[in-house]
Amino acid sequence: MIVAAGVEVKISRLESIVEQIGEAVLATTETIERLAERVDTLSTQVEEQGKQVQQQGYQILALCDAVQTLAETQDDSLQRLTQLTHTLDRLTRLIEEPDD
């Protein structure tokens, strides 16, 4: 009887240990699943941010092209304005010269 009671106590302890291990495994599995969901969410956010950065890069390139075009147009306008100023200077001199 005493031996049977001792075996029964050991079996009860083993069952308790196995139950605790099972609960720990379940808790760990749930934690890993939550972490996986968070990683998926972060991954999606990073991907979206990457797309936004890429789009901003394209916008910056377009803006640089626009600024370059504006600078070239400004330079062309300045050259034409300089030519016009020279022409007006010559006309002014011609008008101001006394007639012989």
Protein backbone atom coordinates (compact mmCIF):
# COMPACT_ATOMS: atom_id res chain seq x y z
CA MET A 1 0.00 0.00 0.00
CA ILE A 2 2.72 2.43 0.96
CA VAL A 3 4.50 1.75 -2.33
CA ALA A 4 1.30 2.27 -4.27
CA ALA A 5 0.67 5.52 -2.44
CA GLY A 6 4.23 6.69 -3.18
CA VAL A 7 3.82 5.84 -6.87
CA GLU A 8 0.49 7.64 -6.92
CA VAL A 9 2.09 10.78 -5.41
CA LYS A 10 4.88 10.64 -7.99
CA ILE A 11 2.37 10.22 -10.81
CA SER A 12 0.38 13.15 -9.44
CA ARG A 13 3.53 15.28 -9.33
CA LEU A 14 4.44 14.24 -12.89
CA GLU A 15 0.95 15.09 -14.08
CA SER A 16 1.25 18.50 -12.42
CA ILE A 17 4.66 19.09 -14.04
CA VAL A 18 3.35 18.01 -17.45
CA GLU A 19 0.34 20.31 -17.01
CA GLN A 20 2.62 23.24 -16.08
CA ILE A 21 4.84 22.51 -19.11
CA GLY A 22 1.74 22.41 -21.33
CA GLU A 23 0.53 25.76 -19.96
CA ALA A 24 3.98 27.26 -20.47
CA VAL A 25 4.08 25.99 -24.06
CA LEU A 26 0.62 27.46 -24.74
CA ALA A 27 1.59 30.80 -23.18
CA THR A 28 4.81 30.85 -25.20
CA THR A 29 2.92 30.02 -28.39
CA GLU A 30 0.45 32.84 -27.77
CA THR A 31 3.29 35.26 -27.07
CA ILE A 32 5.08 34.24 -30.25
CA GLU A 33 1.86 34.67 -32.24
CA ARG A 34 1.38 38.19 -30.82
CA LEU A 35 5.00 39.03 -31.59
CA ALA A 36 4.58 37.71 -35.14
CA GLU A 37 1.51 39.93 -35.60
CA ARG A 38 3.47 42.94 -34.34
CA VAL A 39 6.36 42.14 -36.66
CA ASP A 40 3.92 41.87 -39.57
CA THR A 41 2.42 45.24 -38.64
CA LEU A 42 5.85 46.83 -38.37
CA SER A 43 6.90 45.28 -41.65
CA THR A 44 3.83 46.73 -43.37
CA GLN A 45 4.54 50.15 -41.85
CA VAL A 46 8.16 50.05 -42.95
CA GLU A 47 7.11 49.04 -46.45
CA GLU A 48 4.64 51.94 -46.62
CA GLN A 49 7.27 54.36 -45.33
CA GLY A 50 9.69 53.05 -47.95
CA LYS A 51 7.12 53.77 -50.65
CA GLN A 52 6.61 57.26 -49.25
CA VAL A 53 10.36 57.91 -49.20
CA GLN A 54 10.63 56.69 -52.78
CA GLN A 55 7.75 58.96 -53.82
CA GLN A 56 9.41 61.88 -52.04
CA GLY A 57 12.62 61.07 -53.89
CA TYR A 58 10.77 61.29 -57.20
CA GLN A 59 9.23 64.59 -56.11
CA ILE A 60 12.65 65.95 -55.18
CA LEU A 61 14.02 64.94 -58.58
CA ALA A 62 11.09 66.64 -60.31
CA LEU A 63 11.63 69.74 -58.21
CA CYS A 64 15.34 69.76 -59.07
CA ASP A 65 14.48 69.53 -62.77
CA ALA A 66 12.00 72.39 -62.39
CA VAL A 67 14.57 74.54 -60.59
CA GLN A 68 17.17 73.78 -63.26
CA THR A 69 14.70 74.74 -66.00
CA LEU A 70 13.84 77.91 -64.12
CA ALA A 71 17.52 78.78 -63.76
CA GLU A 72 18.11 78.21 -67.47
CA THR A 73 15.07 80.33 -68.34
CA GLN A 74 16.27 83.04 -65.96
CA ASP A 75 19.71 83.00 -67.61
CA ASP A 76 18.14 83.25 -71.07
CA SER A 77 15.92 86.11 -69.92
CA LEU A 78 18.92 87.91 -68.44
CA GLN A 79 20.83 87.59 -71.72
CA ARG A 80 17.87 88.97 -73.66
CA LEU A 81 17.45 91.78 -71.17
CA THR A 82 21.15 92.62 -71.53
CA GLN A 83 20.80 92.71 -75.32
CA LEU A 84 17.72 94.91 -75.00
CA THR A 85 19.58 97.26 -72.66
CA HIS A 86 22.45 97.57 -75.14
CA THR A 87 20.01 98.23 -77.96
CA LEU A 88 18.23 100.90 -75.92
CA ASP A 89 21.56 102.50 -75.05
CA ARG A 90 22.45 102.70 -78.74
CA LEU A 91 19.04 104.12 -79.60
CA THR A 92 19.36 106.68 -76.83
CA ARG A 93 22.79 107.75 -78.10
CA LEU A 94 21.46 108.02 -81.64
CA ILE A 95 18.54 110.15 -80.48
CA GLU A 96 20.74 112.37 -78.34
CA GLU A 97 23.36 112.95 -81.04
CA PRO A 98 22.96 116.37 -82.60
CA ASP A 99 22.03 116.40 -86.26
CA ASP A 100 24.76 117.69 -88.49
